[in-house]
């Protein structure tokens, strides 16, 4: 039922969920007992970025991009969100302030990436289904996305436990960029083109 295009898109759910996992873990490592305040700010910025960007990003994408291109661009944004977390931060007050700024930038980029790609998911599923069994396709896609989030979170947690600070962020960035590349490759190859329902008899 699900093929490479939909599997590539489920990467967006893994990345988007990191505003609840990886970013709070980073906040905890930086701020300890003050983590709650920083995490609250992350959620607030994420929500505001999604609200402020949704209409404008969707309108721009509808004018300028195809659905697969919008999904790929959104995945690039989501992957890029983790790049600011790769470098180490200075110690003390300066490091704490820089940490907050970097986390908030990452949360905003994740929200904007999601706002760009999520409205075009249904269109892509309709294309893949050939206008048949659309609800079944979407249900299977949602199930696969839930499984991907669970497995992705296990993998991210394991990467944090290695103690290599840059590794989780590098892996998450690579996930977004590789999924975007896969979507564009499939788009150019014609796999995301509309599949008409064959007319019998």
C-alpha atoms as a PDB file:
ATOM      1  CA  UNK A   1       0.000   0.000   0.000  1.00  0.00           C
ATOM      2  CA  UNK A   2       2.645   2.506   1.023  1.00  0.00           C
ATOM      3  CA  UNK A   3       5.608   3.091  -1.242  1.00  0.00           C
ATOM      4  CA  UNK A   4       8.776   5.174  -1.340  1.00  0.00           C
ATOM      5  CA  UNK A   5       7.053   8.566  -1.750  1.00  0.00           C
ATOM      6  CA  UNK A   6       4.869   8.159   1.327  1.00  0.00           C
ATOM      7  CA  UNK A   7       7.723   6.672   3.330  1.00  0.00           C
ATOM      8  CA  UNK A   8       9.814   9.736   2.465  1.00  0.00           C
ATOM      9  CA  UNK A   9       7.017  12.040   3.623  1.00  0.00           C
ATOM     10  CA  UNK A  10       6.701  10.280   6.986  1.00  0.00           C
ATOM     11  CA  UNK A  11      10.160  11.679   7.738  1.00  0.00           C
ATOM     12  CA  UNK A  12       8.451  15.047   8.255  1.00  0.00           C
ATOM     13  CA  UNK A  13       6.545  13.617  11.223  1.00  0.00           C
ATOM     14  CA  UNK A  14       9.711  12.272  12.801  1.00  0.00           C
ATOM     15  CA  UNK A  15      11.370  15.664  12.406  1.00  0.00           C
ATOM     16  CA  UNK A  16       8.356  17.673  13.518  1.00  0.00           C
ATOM     17  CA  UNK A  17       7.978  15.625  16.701  1.00  0.00           C
ATOM     18  CA  UNK A  18      11.458  16.667  17.846  1.00  0.00           C
ATOM     19  CA  UNK A  19      10.035  19.908  19.186  1.00  0.00           C
ATOM     20  CA  UNK A  20       8.673  17.628  21.931  1.00  0.00           C
ATOM     21  CA  UNK A  21      11.738  15.402  22.327  1.00  0.00           C
ATOM     22  CA  UNK A  22      15.139  16.503  21.024  1.00  0.00           C
ATOM     23  CA  UNK A  23      14.762  20.242  21.610  1.00  0.00           C
ATOM     24  CA  UNK A  24      13.514  19.841  25.215  1.00  0.00           C
ATOM     25  CA  UNK A  25      16.362  17.377  25.853  1.00  0.00           C
ATOM     26  CA  UNK A  26      18.808  20.000  24.638  1.00  0.00           C
ATOM     27  CA  UNK A  27      17.109  22.608  26.810  1.00  0.00           C
ATOM     28  CA  UNK A  28      17.418  20.306  29.809  1.00  0.00           C
ATOM     29  CA  UNK A  29      21.136  19.823  29.212  1.00  0.00           C
ATOM     30  CA  UNK A  30      21.625  23.588  29.043  1.00  0.00           C
ATOM     31  CA  UNK A  31      19.285  24.908  31.722  1.00  0.00           C
ATOM     32  CA  UNK A  32      18.591  22.124  34.211  1.00  0.00           C
ATOM     33  CA  UNK A  33      15.841  23.228  36.605  1.00  0.00           C
ATOM     34  CA  UNK A  34      14.898  26.156  34.356  1.00  0.00           C
ATOM     35  CA  UNK A  35      14.055  23.796  31.488  1.00  0.00           C
ATOM     36  CA  UNK A  36      10.310  24.318  31.929  1.00  0.00           C
ATOM     37  CA  UNK A  37      10.508  28.003  31.023  1.00  0.00           C
ATOM     38  CA  UNK A  38      12.597  27.353  27.941  1.00  0.00           C
ATOM     39  CA  UNK A  39      10.385  24.460  26.815  1.00  0.00           C
ATOM     40  CA  UNK A  40       7.306  26.643  27.219  1.00  0.00           C
ATOM     41  CA  UNK A  41       8.968  29.278  25.034  1.00  0.00           C
ATOM     42  CA  UNK A  42       9.754  26.595  22.436  1.00  0.00           C
ATOM     43  CA  UNK A  43       6.110  25.523  22.239  1.00  0.00           C
ATOM     44  CA  UNK A  44       4.939  29.138  22.055  1.00  0.00           C
ATOM     45  CA  UNK A  45       7.346  30.026  19.239  1.00  0.00           C
ATOM     46  CA  UNK A  46       6.464  26.833  17.377  1.00  0.00           C
ATOM     47  CA  UNK A  47       2.739  27.624  17.553  1.00  0.00           C
ATOM     48  CA  UNK A  48       3.190  31.274  16.577  1.00  0.00           C
ATOM     49  CA  UNK A  49       5.493  30.383  13.684  1.00  0.00           C
ATOM     50  CA  UNK A  50       3.007  27.826  12.377  1.00  0.00           C
ATOM     51  CA  UNK A  51       0.115  30.293  12.621  1.00  0.00           C
ATOM     52  CA  UNK A  52       2.010  33.196  11.093  1.00  0.00           C
ATOM     53  CA  UNK A  53       3.490  31.149   8.285  1.00  0.00           C
ATOM     54  CA  UNK A  54       0.626  28.856   7.342  1.00  0.00           C
ATOM     55  CA  UNK A  55      -1.450  31.116   5.124  1.00  0.00           C
ATOM     56  CA  UNK A  56       1.436  32.963   3.499  1.00  0.00           C
ATOM     57  CA  UNK A  57       3.575  29.884   2.910  1.00  0.00           C
ATOM     58  CA  UNK A  58       0.668  27.863   1.554  1.00  0.00           C
ATOM     59  CA  UNK A  59      -0.443  30.686  -0.738  1.00  0.00           C
ATOM     60  CA  UNK A  60       3.101  31.164  -2.036  1.00  0.00           C
ATOM     61  CA  UNK A  61       3.602  27.434  -2.552  1.00  0.00           C
ATOM     62  CA  UNK A  62       0.324  27.089  -4.462  1.00  0.00           C
ATOM     63  CA  UNK A  63       1.430  29.880  -6.798  1.00  0.00           C
ATOM     64  CA  UNK A  64       5.019  28.811  -7.243  1.00  0.00           C
ATOM     65  CA  UNK A  65       5.447  25.077  -6.601  1.00  0.00           C
ATOM     66  CA  UNK A  66       3.973  21.710  -7.352  1.00  0.00           C
ATOM     67  CA  UNK A  67       2.838  19.598  -4.384  1.00  0.00           C
ATOM     68  CA  UNK A  68       5.987  17.390  -4.434  1.00  0.00           C
ATOM     69  CA  UNK A  69       8.202  20.477  -4.612  1.00  0.00           C
ATOM     70  CA  UNK A  70       6.407  22.058  -1.655  1.00  0.00           C
ATOM     71  CA  UNK A  71       6.884  18.855   0.346  1.00  0.00           C
ATOM     72  CA  UNK A  72      10.571  18.711  -0.577  1.00  0.00           C
ATOM     73  CA  UNK A  73      11.141  22.365   0.336  1.00  0.00           C
ATOM     74  CA  UNK A  74       9.376  21.833   3.642  1.00  0.00           C
ATOM     75  CA  UNK A  75      11.608  18.849   4.392  1.00  0.00           C
ATOM     76  CA  UNK A  76      14.689  20.936   3.573  1.00  0.00           C
ATOM     77  CA  UNK A  77      13.536  23.591   6.052  1.00  0.00           C
ATOM     78  CA  UNK A  78      12.895  20.967   8.709  1.00  0.00           C
ATOM     79  CA  UNK A  79      16.293  19.361   8.173  1.00  0.00           C
ATOM     80  CA  UNK A  80      17.990  22.770   8.232  1.00  0.00           C
ATOM     81  CA  UNK A  81      16.337  23.473  11.595  1.00  0.00           C
ATOM     82  CA  UNK A  82      18.844  21.164  13.294  1.00  0.00           C
ATOM     83  CA  UNK A  83      21.998  22.606  11.752  1.00  0.00           C
ATOM     84  CA  UNK A  84      22.284  25.535  14.215  1.00  0.00           C
ATOM     85  CA  UNK A  85      22.484  22.962  17.024  1.00  0.00           C
ATOM     86  CA  UNK A  86      25.615  21.286  15.628  1.00  0.00           C
ATOM     87  CA  UNK A  87      28.266  23.734  16.938  1.00  0.00           C
ATOM     88  CA  UNK A  88      29.159  23.825  20.609  1.00  0.00           C
ATOM     89  CA  UNK A  89      28.131  26.818  22.713  1.00  0.00           C
ATOM     90  CA  UNK A  90      30.279  28.971  25.008  1.00  0.00           C
ATOM     91  CA  UNK A  91      29.950  28.551  28.747  1.00  0.00           C
ATOM     92  CA  UNK A  92      28.165  30.822  31.178  1.00  0.00           C
ATOM     93  CA  UNK A  93      25.521  33.468  30.571  1.00  0.00           C
ATOM     94  CA  UNK A  94      26.552  34.011  26.950  1.00  0.00           C
ATOM     95  CA  UNK A  95      26.229  30.302  26.220  1.00  0.00           C
ATOM     96  CA  UNK A  96      22.810  30.129  27.897  1.00  0.00           C
ATOM     97  CA  UNK A  97      21.506  33.105  25.912  1.00  0.00           C
ATOM     98  CA  UNK A  98      22.877  31.685  22.680  1.00  0.00           C
ATOM     99  CA  UNK A  99      21.309  28.336  23.538  1.00  0.00           C
ATOM    100  CA  UNK A 100      17.874  29.884  23.914  1.00  0.00           C
ATOM    101  CA  UNK A 101      18.177  31.751  20.603  1.00  0.00           C
ATOM    102  CA  UNK A 102      19.336  28.644  18.740  1.00  0.00           C
ATOM    103  CA  UNK A 103      16.542  26.500  20.178  1.00  0.00           C
ATOM    104  CA  UNK A 104      13.904  29.079  19.280  1.00  0.00           C
ATOM    105  CA  UNK A 105      15.257  29.395  15.723  1.00  0.00           C
ATOM    106  CA  UNK A 106      15.144  25.620  15.354  1.00  0.00           C
ATOM    107  CA  UNK A 107      11.562  25.463  16.644  1.00  0.00           C
ATOM    108  CA  UNK A 108      10.485  28.198  14.218  1.00  0.00           C
ATOM    109  CA  UNK A 109      12.141  26.503  11.230  1.00  0.00           C
ATOM    110  CA  UNK A 110      10.486  23.198  12.097  1.00  0.00           C
ATOM    111  CA  UNK A 111       7.092  24.900  12.286  1.00  0.00           C
ATOM    112  CA  UNK A 112       7.583  26.748   8.999  1.00  0.00           C
ATOM    113  CA  UNK A 113       8.731  23.585   7.270  1.00  0.00           C
ATOM    114  CA  UNK A 114       5.663  21.741   8.499  1.00  0.00           C
ATOM    115  CA  UNK A 115       3.389  24.620   7.498  1.00  0.00           C
ATOM    116  CA  UNK A 116       4.843  24.468   4.001  1.00  0.00           C
ATOM    117  CA  UNK A 117       4.494  20.753   3.380  1.00  0.00           C
ATOM    118  CA  UNK A 118       1.529  19.452   5.384  1.00  0.00           C
ATOM    119  CA  UNK A 119      -1.223  21.076   3.262  1.00  0.00           C
ATOM    120  CA  UNK A 120       0.108  19.231   0.207  1.00  0.00           C
ATOM    121  CA  UNK A 121       0.202  15.740   1.703  1.00  0.00           C
ATOM    122  CA  UNK A 122      -3.399  14.926   0.873  1.00  0.00           C
ATOM    123  CA  UNK A 123      -2.913  16.006  -2.733  1.00  0.00           C
ATOM    124  CA  UNK A 124       0.053  13.684  -3.042  1.00  0.00           C
ATOM    125  CA  UNK A 125      -1.865  10.771  -1.511  1.00  0.00           C
ATOM    126  CA  UNK A 126      -4.699  11.343  -3.955  1.00  0.00           C
ATOM    127  CA  UNK A 127      -2.202  11.248  -6.798  1.00  0.00           C
ATOM    128  CA  UNK A 128      -0.728   7.988  -5.548  1.00  0.00           C
ATOM    129  CA  UNK A 129      -4.126   6.392  -5.005  1.00  0.00           C
ATOM    130  CA  UNK A 130      -5.414   7.178  -8.485  1.00  0.00           C
ATOM    131  CA  UNK A 131      -8.564   8.644  -6.882  1.00  0.00           C
ATOM    132  CA  UNK A 132      -9.475   5.248  -5.379  1.00  0.00           C
ATOM    133  CA  UNK A 133      -9.504   4.153  -1.734  1.00  0.00           C
ATOM    134  CA  UNK A 134      -8.330   7.615  -0.670  1.00  0.00           C
ATOM    135  CA  UNK A 135      -9.449   7.174   2.947  1.00  0.00           C
ATOM    136  CA  UNK A 136      -7.693   3.803   3.094  1.00  0.00           C
ATOM    137  CA  UNK A 137      -4.494   5.317   1.759  1.00  0.00           C
ATOM    138  CA  UNK A 138      -4.660   8.157   4.241  1.00  0.00           C
ATOM    139  CA  UNK A 139      -5.362   5.777   7.122  1.00  0.00           C
ATOM    140  CA  UNK A 140      -2.414   3.583   6.153  1.00  0.00           C
ATOM    141  CA  UNK A 141      -0.239   6.670   5.790  1.00  0.00           C
ATOM    142  CA  UNK A 142      -1.235   7.943   9.230  1.00  0.00           C
ATOM    143  CA  UNK A 143      -0.481   4.530  10.734  1.00  0.00           C
ATOM    144  CA  UNK A 144       2.925   4.408   9.044  1.00  0.00           C
ATOM    145  CA  UNK A 145       3.646   7.930  10.281  1.00  0.00           C
ATOM    146  CA  UNK A 146       2.846   6.922  13.859  1.00  0.00           C
ATOM    147  CA  UNK A 147       5.159   3.923  13.621  1.00  0.00           C
ATOM    148  CA  UNK A 148       7.865   6.124  12.082  1.00  0.00           C
ATOM    149  CA  UNK A 149       7.563   8.609  14.952  1.00  0.00           C
ATOM    150  CA  UNK A 150       7.937   5.822  17.530  1.00  0.00           C
ATOM    151  CA  UNK A 151      10.958   4.272  15.826  1.00  0.00           C
ATOM    152  CA  UNK A 152      12.444   7.677  15.091  1.00  0.00           C
ATOM    153  CA  UNK A 153      12.153   8.729  18.725  1.00  0.00           C
ATOM    154  CA  UNK A 154      13.827   5.515  19.848  1.00  0.00           C
ATOM    155  CA  UNK A 155      16.680   6.189  17.433  1.00  0.00           C
ATOM    156  CA  UNK A 156      17.026   9.831  18.517  1.00  0.00           C
ATOM    157  CA  UNK A 157      17.075   8.799  22.171  1.00  0.00           C
ATOM    158  CA  UNK A 158      19.764   6.217  21.441  1.00  0.00           C
ATOM    159  CA  UNK A 159      21.833   8.858  19.637  1.00  0.00           C
ATOM    160  CA  UNK A 160      21.616  11.160  22.659  1.00  0.00           C
ATOM    161  CA  UNK A 161      22.754   8.313  24.884  1.00  0.00           C
ATOM    162  CA  UNK A 162      25.963   7.903  22.871  1.00  0.00           C
ATOM    163  CA  UNK A 163      27.209  11.117  24.456  1.00  0.00           C
ATOM    164  CA  UNK A 164      28.348  12.483  21.085  1.00  0.00           C
ATOM    165  CA  UNK A 165      26.668  15.894  21.211  1.00  0.00           C
ATOM    166  CA  UNK A 166      26.596  16.665  17.509  1.00  0.00           C
ATOM    167  CA  UNK A 167      25.409  13.219  16.384  1.00  0.00           C
ATOM    168  CA  UNK A 168      21.623  13.545  16.970  1.00  0.00           C
ATOM    169  CA  UNK A 169      21.498  16.906  15.194  1.00  0.00           C
ATOM    170  CA  UNK A 170      23.553  15.650  12.264  1.00  0.00           C
ATOM    171  CA  UNK A 171      21.317  12.591  11.915  1.00  0.00           C
ATOM    172  CA  UNK A 172      18.120  14.668  12.059  1.00  0.00           C
ATOM    173  CA  UNK A 173      19.439  17.180   9.524  1.00  0.00           C
ATOM    174  CA  UNK A 174      20.496  14.341   7.227  1.00  0.00           C
ATOM    175  CA  UNK A 175      17.030  12.777   7.569  1.00  0.00           C
ATOM    176  CA  UNK A 176      15.299  15.937   6.386  1.00  0.00           C
ATOM    177  CA  UNK A 177      17.672  16.592   3.508  1.00  0.00           C
ATOM    178  CA  UNK A 178      17.732  12.973   2.328  1.00  0.00           C
ATOM    179  CA  UNK A 179      13.916  12.714   2.426  1.00  0.00           C
ATOM    180  CA  UNK A 180      13.682  15.950   0.448  1.00  0.00           C
ATOM    181  CA  UNK A 181      16.130  14.594  -2.099  1.00  0.00           C
ATOM    182  CA  UNK A 182      14.148  11.367  -2.408  1.00  0.00           C
ATOM    183  CA  UNK A 183      10.870  13.227  -2.952  1.00  0.00           C
ATOM    184  CA  UNK A 184      12.413  15.371  -5.699  1.00  0.00           C
ATOM    185  CA  UNK A 185      14.035  12.355  -7.338  1.00  0.00           C
ATOM    186  CA  UNK A 186      10.710  10.519  -7.432  1.00  0.00           C
ATOM    187  CA  UNK A 187       8.969  13.647  -8.689  1.00  0.00           C
ATOM    188  CA  UNK A 188      11.401  14.037 -11.582  1.00  0.00           C
ATOM    189  CA  UNK A 189      11.046  10.349 -12.407  1.00  0.00           C
ATOM    190  CA  UNK A 190       7.277  10.746 -12.684  1.00  0.00           C
ATOM    191  CA  UNK A 191       6.311   8.545  -9.744  1.00  0.00           C
ATOM    192  CA  UNK A 192       4.288  11.343  -8.151  1.00  0.00           C
ATOM    193  CA  UNK A 193       2.265  12.077 -11.269  1.00  0.00           C
ATOM    194  CA  UNK A 194      -1.495  11.632 -11.151  1.00  0.00           C
ATOM    195  CA  UNK A 195      -2.561   8.037 -11.758  1.00  0.00           C
ATOM    196  CA  UNK A 196      -5.926   7.893 -13.509  1.00  0.00           C
ATOM    197  CA  UNK A 197      -8.348   5.139 -12.571  1.00  0.00           C
ATOM    198  CA  UNK A 198      -8.515   2.575 -15.382  1.00  0.00           C
ATOM    199  CA  UNK A 199     -11.933   2.368 -16.995  1.00  0.00           C
ATOM    200  CA  UNK A 200     -13.170  -1.203 -17.240  1.00  0.00           C
ATOM    201  CA  UNK A 201     -14.946  -2.673 -20.117  1.00  0.00           C
END
